C-alpha atoms as a PDB file:
ATOM      1  CA  MET A   1      -0.204   0.330   0.084  1.00  0.00           C
ATOM      2  CA  SER A   2       1.125   3.358  -0.933  1.00  0.00           C
ATOM      3  CA  THR A   3      -0.623   6.779   0.981  1.00  0.00           C
ATOM      4  CA  ASP A   4       0.577   9.420   2.949  1.00  0.00           C
ATOM      5  CA  ALA A   5      -2.190   8.213   5.815  1.00  0.00           C
ATOM      6  CA  ALA A   6      -1.388   4.788   5.521  1.00  0.00           C
ATOM      7  CA  ASN A   7       2.465   5.690   6.030  1.00  0.00           C
ATOM      8  CA  HIS A   8       1.733   7.844   8.803  1.00  0.00           C
ATOM      9  CA  ALA A   9       3.725   6.987  12.092  1.00  0.00           C
ATOM     10  CA  THR A  10       2.595   8.721  14.428  1.00  0.00           C
ATOM     11  CA  ALA A  11      -0.694   8.015  16.740  1.00  0.00           C
ATOM     12  CA  ILE A  12      -4.228  10.169  15.975  1.00  0.00           C
ATOM     13  CA  GLU A  13      -4.469  12.673  18.398  1.00  0.00           C
ATOM     14  CA  THR A  14      -7.924  14.505  19.048  1.00  0.00           C
ATOM     15  CA  ALA A  15      -9.622  16.377  21.421  1.00  0.00           C
ATOM     16  CA  ASP A  16     -12.393  13.478  22.638  1.00  0.00           C
ATOM     17  CA  ARG A  17     -10.499  10.348  20.936  1.00  0.00           C
ATOM     18  CA  PRO A  18     -13.218   8.639  19.658  1.00  0.00           C
ATOM     19  CA  ALA A  19     -13.712   5.432  19.387  1.00  0.00           C
ATOM     20  CA  ALA A  20     -12.669   5.112  15.839  1.00  0.00           C
ATOM     21  CA  ALA A  21      -8.909   7.101  16.732  1.00  0.00           C
ATOM     22  CA  HIS A  22      -8.622   4.579  19.791  1.00  0.00           C
ATOM     23  CA  ARG A  23      -9.125   1.608  17.425  1.00  0.00           C
ATOM     24  CA  ALA A  24      -6.750   3.241  14.621  1.00  0.00           C
ATOM     25  CA  ASN A  25      -3.867   3.477  16.900  1.00  0.00           C
ATOM     26  CA  ALA A  26      -4.590   0.153  18.391  1.00  0.00           C
ATOM     27  CA  TYR A  27      -4.217  -1.328  15.012  1.00  0.00           C
ATOM     28  CA  HIS A  28      -1.175   0.912  14.426  1.00  0.00           C
ATOM     29  CA  VAL A  29       0.892  -0.552  17.116  1.00  0.00           C
ATOM     30  CA  LEU A  30      -0.104  -4.237  16.736  1.00  0.00           C
ATOM     31  CA  ALA A  31       1.178  -3.955  13.123  1.00  0.00           C
ATOM     32  CA  LYS A  32       4.543  -2.484  14.155  1.00  0.00           C
ATOM     33  CA  ALA A  33       4.600  -5.243  16.297  1.00  0.00           C
ATOM     34  CA  PHE A  34       4.087  -7.913  13.583  1.00  0.00           C
ATOM     35  CA  ARG A  35       7.304  -6.169  11.969  1.00  0.00           C
ATOM     36  CA  THR A  36      10.461  -8.055  12.340  1.00  0.00           C
ATOM     37  CA  PRO A  37      12.511  -7.179  15.657  1.00  0.00           C
ATOM     38  CA  ALA A  38      14.930  -5.557  13.476  1.00  0.00           C
ATOM     39  CA  GLU A  39      12.402  -2.868  12.344  1.00  0.00           C
ATOM     40  CA  TRP A  40      10.912  -2.681  16.096  1.00  0.00           C
ATOM     41  CA  ASP A  41      11.668   1.152  17.587  1.00  0.00           C
ATOM     42  CA  GLU A  42      12.660   2.046  20.967  1.00  0.00           C
ATOM     43  CA  ALA A  43       9.191   3.731  21.338  1.00  0.00           C
ATOM     44  CA  LEU A  44       7.276   0.521  21.029  1.00  0.00           C
ATOM     45  CA  PRO A  45       6.901  -0.923  24.304  1.00  0.00           C
ATOM     46  CA  HIS A  46       5.153   2.667  25.529  1.00  0.00           C
ATOM     47  CA  ALA A  47       3.095   2.751  22.331  1.00  0.00           C
ATOM     48  CA  LEU A  48       1.374  -0.844  23.300  1.00  0.00           C
ATOM     49  CA  ARG A  49       1.016   0.910  26.896  1.00  0.00           C
ATOM     50  CA  ARG A  50      -0.408   4.213  25.632  1.00  0.00           C
ATOM     51  CA  HIS A  51      -2.900   3.099  22.808  1.00  0.00           C
ATOM     52  CA  PHE A  52      -4.241   0.015  24.575  1.00  0.00           C
ATOM     53  CA  ALA A  53      -4.859   1.943  27.624  1.00  0.00           C
ATOM     54  CA  PRO A  54      -8.727   3.145  26.478  1.00  0.00           C
ATOM     55  CA  PHE A  55      -9.738  -0.080  26.129  1.00  0.00           C
ATOM     56  CA  GLY A  56      -9.460  -1.042  29.710  1.00  0.00           C
ATOM     57  CA  THR A  57      -8.594  -4.333  31.353  1.00  0.00           C
ATOM     58  CA  PRO A  58      -7.978  -6.897  30.298  1.00  0.00           C
ATOM     59  CA  LEU A  59      -6.414  -5.620  27.334  1.00  0.00           C
ATOM     60  CA  LEU A  60      -4.242  -3.270  28.854  1.00  0.00           C
ATOM     61  CA  GLU A  61      -2.887  -5.703  31.206  1.00  0.00           C
ATOM     62  CA  ARG A  62      -2.020  -8.196  28.226  1.00  0.00           C
ATOM     63  CA  ALA A  63      -0.726  -4.586  26.546  1.00  0.00           C
ATOM     64  CA  ALA A  64       1.552  -4.186  29.396  1.00  0.00           C
ATOM     65  CA  GLU A  65       2.428  -7.859  29.597  1.00  0.00           C
ATOM     66  CA  THR A  66       3.743  -7.353  25.771  1.00  0.00           C
ATOM     67  CA  ALA A  67       5.044  -4.321  26.493  1.00  0.00           C
ATOM     68  CA  ASP A  68       7.257  -5.563  28.853  1.00  0.00           C
ATOM     69  CA  ALA A  69       8.570  -8.482  26.926  1.00  0.00           C
ATOM     70  CA  CYS A  70       8.995  -6.198  24.292  1.00  0.00           C
ATOM     71  CA  GLN A  71      11.336  -3.947  26.097  1.00  0.00           C
ATOM     72  CA  ALA A  72      13.291  -7.125  27.228  1.00  0.00           C
ATOM     73  CA  ALA A  73      13.633  -7.876  23.696  1.00  0.00           C
ATOM     74  CA  LEU A  74      14.738  -4.823  22.198  1.00  0.00           C
ATOM     75  CA  HIS A  75      17.897  -5.543  24.573  1.00  0.00           C
ATOM     76  CA  ASP A  76      18.117  -9.347  22.742  1.00  0.00           C
ATOM     77  CA  ARG A  77      16.949  -8.740  19.471  1.00  0.00           C
ATOM     78  CA  GLU A  78      18.586 -11.665  17.954  1.00  0.00           C
ATOM     79  CA  ARG A  79      16.852 -14.122  20.119  1.00  0.00           C
ATOM     80  CA  ALA A  80      13.618 -12.621  19.431  1.00  0.00           C
ATOM     81  CA  SER A  81      14.416 -12.282  15.260  1.00  0.00           C
ATOM     82  CA  VAL A  82      15.183 -16.109  15.595  1.00  0.00           C
ATOM     83  CA  ASP A  83      11.845 -16.798  16.944  1.00  0.00           C
ATOM     84  CA  HIS A  84      10.155 -14.297  14.313  1.00  0.00           C
ATOM     85  CA  ALA A  85      11.540 -16.366  11.699  1.00  0.00           C
ATOM     86  CA  ARG A  86      10.861 -19.788  13.224  1.00  0.00           C
ATOM     87  CA  LEU A  87       7.191 -18.421  13.402  1.00  0.00           C
ATOM     88  CA  PHE A  88       6.367 -16.594  10.374  1.00  0.00           C
ATOM     89  CA  ILE A  89       9.157 -17.263   7.400  1.00  0.00           C
ATOM     90  CA  GLY A  90      10.743 -20.597   7.831  1.00  0.00           C
ATOM     91  CA  PRO A  91      12.790 -21.802   6.119  1.00  0.00           C
ATOM     92  CA  PHE A  92      11.264 -25.032   6.826  1.00  0.00           C
ATOM     93  CA  GLU A  93       7.740 -25.464   8.778  1.00  0.00           C
ATOM     94  CA  ILE A  94       6.251 -22.112   9.184  1.00  0.00           C
ATOM     95  CA  GLN A  95       4.855 -22.652  12.618  1.00  0.00           C
ATOM     96  CA  ALA A  96       2.046 -19.389  12.561  1.00  0.00           C
ATOM     97  CA  PRO A  97       2.098 -18.629   8.851  1.00  0.00           C
ATOM     98  CA  PRO A  98       1.252 -14.750   8.446  1.00  0.00           C
ATOM     99  CA  TYR A  99      -0.781 -14.765   5.211  1.00  0.00           C
ATOM    100  CA  ALA A 100      -4.572 -14.973   5.076  1.00  0.00           C
ATOM    101  CA  SER A 101      -4.621 -16.968   1.997  1.00  0.00           C
ATOM    102  CA  LEU A 102      -3.295 -20.152   4.200  1.00  0.00           C
ATOM    103  CA  TYR A 103      -6.500 -19.855   6.671  1.00  0.00           C
ATOM    104  CA  LEU A 104      -9.238 -18.898   4.430  1.00  0.00           C
ATOM    105  CA  ASP A 105      -8.296 -20.375   0.637  1.00  0.00           C
ATOM    106  CA  PRO A 106      -8.666 -24.422   1.007  1.00  0.00           C
ATOM    107  CA  GLU A 107      -6.228 -24.859  -1.235  1.00  0.00           C
ATOM    108  CA  GLN A 108      -3.843 -22.226   0.550  1.00  0.00           C
ATOM    109  CA  ARG A 109      -2.575 -20.649  -2.593  1.00  0.00           C
ATOM    110  CA  LEU A 110      -0.230 -17.271  -1.675  1.00  0.00           C
ATOM    111  CA  MET A 111      -0.818 -14.735  -4.349  1.00  0.00           C
ATOM    112  CA  GLY A 112      -4.348 -16.130  -5.105  1.00  0.00           C
ATOM    113  CA  PRO A 113      -7.814 -15.263  -4.519  1.00  0.00           C
ATOM    114  CA  VAL A 114      -7.592 -14.373  -1.128  1.00  0.00           C
ATOM    115  CA  SER A 115      -4.552 -11.960  -1.758  1.00  0.00           C
ATOM    116  CA  GLN A 116      -6.388 -10.687  -4.513  1.00  0.00           C
ATOM    117  CA  ALA A 117      -9.716 -10.091  -2.405  1.00  0.00           C
ATOM    118  CA  ALA A 118      -7.290  -8.076   0.079  1.00  0.00           C
ATOM    119  CA  ALA A 119      -5.438  -6.046  -2.871  1.00  0.00           C
ATOM    120  CA  HIS A 120      -9.367  -5.034  -4.061  1.00  0.00           C
ATOM    121  CA  ALA A 121     -10.166  -3.985  -0.983  1.00  0.00           C
ATOM    122  CA  TYR A 122      -7.226  -1.716  -0.438  1.00  0.00           C
ATOM    123  CA  ALA A 123      -7.800  -0.397  -4.201  1.00  0.00           C
ATOM    124  CA  GLU A 124     -11.365   0.509  -3.321  1.00  0.00           C
ATOM    125  CA  ALA A 125     -10.454   2.579  -0.550  1.00  0.00           C
ATOM    126  CA  GLY A 126      -8.336   4.821  -3.019  1.00  0.00           C
ATOM    127  CA  LEU A 127      -4.726   2.737  -2.033  1.00  0.00           C
ATOM    128  CA  ALA A 128      -2.429   1.929  -4.481  1.00  0.00           C
ATOM    129  CA  PRO A 129       0.394  -0.703  -4.386  1.00  0.00           C
ATOM    130  CA  GLY A 130       3.605   0.682  -3.677  1.00  0.00           C
ATOM    131  CA  PRO A 131       6.635   0.275  -6.194  1.00  0.00           C
ATOM    132  CA  ALA A 132       8.017  -2.610  -4.384  1.00  0.00           C
ATOM    133  CA  PRO A 133       6.171  -4.160  -1.778  1.00  0.00           C
ATOM    134  CA  LYS A 134       7.637  -5.986   0.640  1.00  0.00           C
ATOM    135  CA  GLU A 135       4.929  -8.330   1.563  1.00  0.00           C
ATOM    136  CA  ALA A 136       1.989  -9.733   0.255  1.00  0.00           C
ATOM    137  CA  PRO A 137      -1.059  -8.327   0.551  1.00  0.00           C
ATOM    138  CA  ASP A 138      -2.490 -10.382   2.858  1.00  0.00           C
ATOM    139  CA  HIS A 139       0.236 -10.367   5.248  1.00  0.00           C
ATOM    140  CA  VAL A 140      -0.882  -9.731   8.442  1.00  0.00           C
ATOM    141  CA  ALA A 141       0.894  -6.321   8.976  1.00  0.00           C
ATOM    142  CA  VAL A 142      -0.321  -5.168   5.793  1.00  0.00           C
ATOM    143  CA  GLU A 143      -3.848  -5.897   6.893  1.00  0.00           C
ATOM    144  CA  LEU A 144      -3.895  -4.504  10.171  1.00  0.00           C
ATOM    145  CA  GLU A 145      -2.222  -1.341   8.715  1.00  0.00           C
ATOM    146  CA  PHE A 146      -4.973  -1.577   6.051  1.00  0.00           C
ATOM    147  CA  MET A 147      -7.471  -1.596   8.951  1.00  0.00           C
ATOM    148  CA  TYR A 148      -5.647   1.251  10.669  1.00  0.00           C
ATOM    149  CA  PHE A 149      -6.177   3.472   7.579  1.00  0.00           C
ATOM    150  CA  LEU A 150      -9.602   3.204   7.342  1.00  0.00           C
ATOM    151  CA  ALA A 151     -10.329   3.715  11.257  1.00  0.00           C
ATOM    152  CA  PHE A 152      -7.814   6.818  10.845  1.00  0.00           C
ATOM    153  CA  GLN A 153     -10.123   8.123   7.819  1.00  0.00           C
ATOM    154  CA  GLU A 154     -13.184   7.499  10.091  1.00  0.00           C
ATOM    155  CA  ALA A 155     -11.833   9.519  12.622  1.00  0.00           C
ATOM    156  CA  THR A 156     -10.548  12.501  10.887  1.00  0.00           C
ATOM    157  CA  THR A 157     -13.467  12.592   8.083  1.00  0.00           C
ATOM    158  CA  ALA A 158     -16.320  11.298  10.423  1.00  0.00           C
ATOM    159  CA  GLU A 159     -17.686   9.760   6.758  1.00  0.00           C
ATOM    160  CA  PRO A 160     -19.956   6.581   7.112  1.00  0.00           C
ATOM    161  CA  ALA A 161     -18.235   4.942   4.077  1.00  0.00           C
ATOM    162  CA  TRP A 162     -15.015   4.461   6.231  1.00  0.00           C
ATOM    163  CA  ALA A 163     -16.716   2.873   8.788  1.00  0.00           C
ATOM    164  CA  GLU A 164     -18.155   0.387   6.448  1.00  0.00           C
ATOM    165  CA  ARG A 165     -15.089  -0.483   4.867  1.00  0.00           C
ATOM    166  CA  GLN A 166     -14.212  -1.541   8.017  1.00  0.00           C
ATOM    167  CA  ARG A 167     -16.992  -3.705   9.163  1.00  0.00           C
ATOM    168  CA  ARG A 168     -16.846  -5.430   5.889  1.00  0.00           C
ATOM    169  CA  PHE A 169     -12.931  -6.031   5.571  1.00  0.00           C
ATOM    170  CA  TRP A 170     -12.913  -7.369   9.319  1.00  0.00           C
ATOM    171  CA  GLN A 171     -16.487  -9.654   9.052  1.00  0.00           C
ATOM    172  CA  SER A 172     -15.460 -11.181   5.481  1.00  0.00           C
ATOM    173  CA  HIS A 173     -11.461 -11.406   6.109  1.00  0.00           C
ATOM    174  CA  LEU A 174      -9.282 -10.312   8.714  1.00  0.00           C
ATOM    175  CA  GLY A 175     -11.918 -11.358  11.324  1.00  0.00           C
ATOM    176  CA  ARG A 176     -12.034 -14.958  10.003  1.00  0.00           C
ATOM    177  CA  TRP A 177      -8.327 -15.819  10.425  1.00  0.00           C
ATOM    178  CA  LEU A 178      -6.499 -13.282  12.967  1.00  0.00           C
ATOM    179  CA  PRO A 179      -7.900 -15.335  15.975  1.00  0.00           C
ATOM    180  CA  GLU A 180      -6.638 -18.521  14.500  1.00  0.00           C
ATOM    181  CA  LEU A 181      -3.146 -16.839  13.776  1.00  0.00           C
ATOM    182  CA  ALA A 182      -3.047 -16.167  17.596  1.00  0.00           C
ATOM    183  CA  ARG A 183      -3.889 -19.027  18.643  1.00  0.00           C
ATOM    184  CA  ARG A 184      -0.807 -21.163  16.364  1.00  0.00           C
ATOM    185  CA  ILE A 185       1.576 -18.319  18.029  1.00  0.00           C
ATOM    186  CA  GLY A 186       0.301 -19.172  21.335  1.00  0.00           C
ATOM    187  CA  ASP A 187       0.542 -23.020  20.433  1.00  0.00           C
ATOM    188  CA  ALA A 188       3.967 -22.744  19.241  1.00  0.00           C
ATOM    189  CA  ASP A 189       6.155 -22.221  22.280  1.00  0.00           C
ATOM    190  CA  ALA A 190       7.327 -18.761  21.103  1.00  0.00           C
ATOM    191  CA  HIS A 191       9.250 -15.805  23.036  1.00  0.00           C
ATOM    192  CA  PRO A 192       7.883 -14.400  25.526  1.00  0.00           C
ATOM    193  CA  PHE A 193       7.296 -11.456  23.347  1.00  0.00           C
ATOM    194  CA  HIS A 194       5.121 -13.716  20.742  1.00  0.00           C
ATOM    195  CA  ALA A 195       3.533 -15.316  23.458  1.00  0.00           C
ATOM    196  CA  ALA A 196       2.184 -12.497  25.391  1.00  0.00           C
ATOM    197  CA  LEU A 197       1.379 -10.572  21.767  1.00  0.00           C
ATOM    198  CA  ALA A 198      -0.490 -13.563  20.560  1.00  0.00           C
ATOM    199  CA  ARG A 199      -2.922 -13.157  23.712  1.00  0.00           C
ATOM    200  CA  LEU A 200      -2.895  -9.477  23.269  1.00  0.00           C
ATOM    201  CA  VAL A 201      -3.987 -10.124  19.803  1.00  0.00           C
ATOM    202  CA  ALA A 202      -6.470 -12.927  20.596  1.00  0.00           C
ATOM    203  CA  GLY A 203      -8.144 -10.572  23.175  1.00  0.00           C
ATOM    204  CA  PHE A 204      -8.150  -7.355  20.678  1.00  0.00           C
ATOM    205  CA  ALA A 205     -10.075  -9.663  17.853  1.00  0.00           C
ATOM    206  CA  GLU A 206     -12.452 -10.569  20.880  1.00  0.00           C
ATOM    207  CA  TRP A 207     -12.972  -6.814  21.533  1.00  0.00           C
ATOM    208  CA  GLU A 208     -13.321  -5.968  17.873  1.00  0.00           C
ATOM    209  CA  ALA A 209     -15.724  -8.906  16.810  1.00  0.00           C
ATOM    210  CA  GLY A 210     -17.808  -7.491  19.845  1.00  0.00           C
ATOM    211  CA  PHE A 211     -17.599  -3.849  18.654  1.00  0.00           C
ATOM    212  CA  TRP A 212     -19.321  -4.687  15.232  1.00  0.00           C
ATOM    213  CA  ARG A 213     -21.995  -6.992  16.600  1.00  0.00           C
ATOM    214  CA  ALA A 214     -23.147  -3.933  18.891  1.00  0.00           C
ATOM    215  CA  ARG A 215     -22.569  -1.475  16.206  1.00  0.00           C
ATOM    216  CA  ALA A 216     -25.152  -3.452  13.909  1.00  0.00           C
ATOM    217  CA  GLN A 217     -28.086  -3.600  16.634  1.00  0.00           C
END
């Protein structure tokens, strides 16, 4: 994806911090957490605590646990990087594939119809592929960044179309596989950071599903 808003690195600051802004910030920091440890910045632990504070417990407690593990991992990125590769890259068995295709496509075709559906959703929202995308369009970090972009647009424009795009993408795509990804990470005897991240993601996915159910009533 390539867009000024999608690549914006700072949190949304609004006077009343509406629900869309809270959710945008949460998606943004989770996308960062799924990047390789070499890409983490020193502010990531603080961002995890800060951007999950509005959600209350237990999400705040899970975010604090993840932040503590991240702070420790920043002092030993090599160990965290080895675990990241084991979970998400390979070269042998990938324990927690980070691509929607491997959960939603019965034939598990990378760059197949599931990837294409994600790319279509990005294009429909006005996002064009970058000149040299580093990841497939259905990589978890890319999908989390997309939800950040949509919630950012809702928070800053208040146009209903942005909320509807979020709902559709969550219910037809990201929400259908994110909990299973979290479960696989949790089952993989992961590094303390990734184990804590899995618990945070599972809790946030449950919160988000409830959020959209409530909005439908």
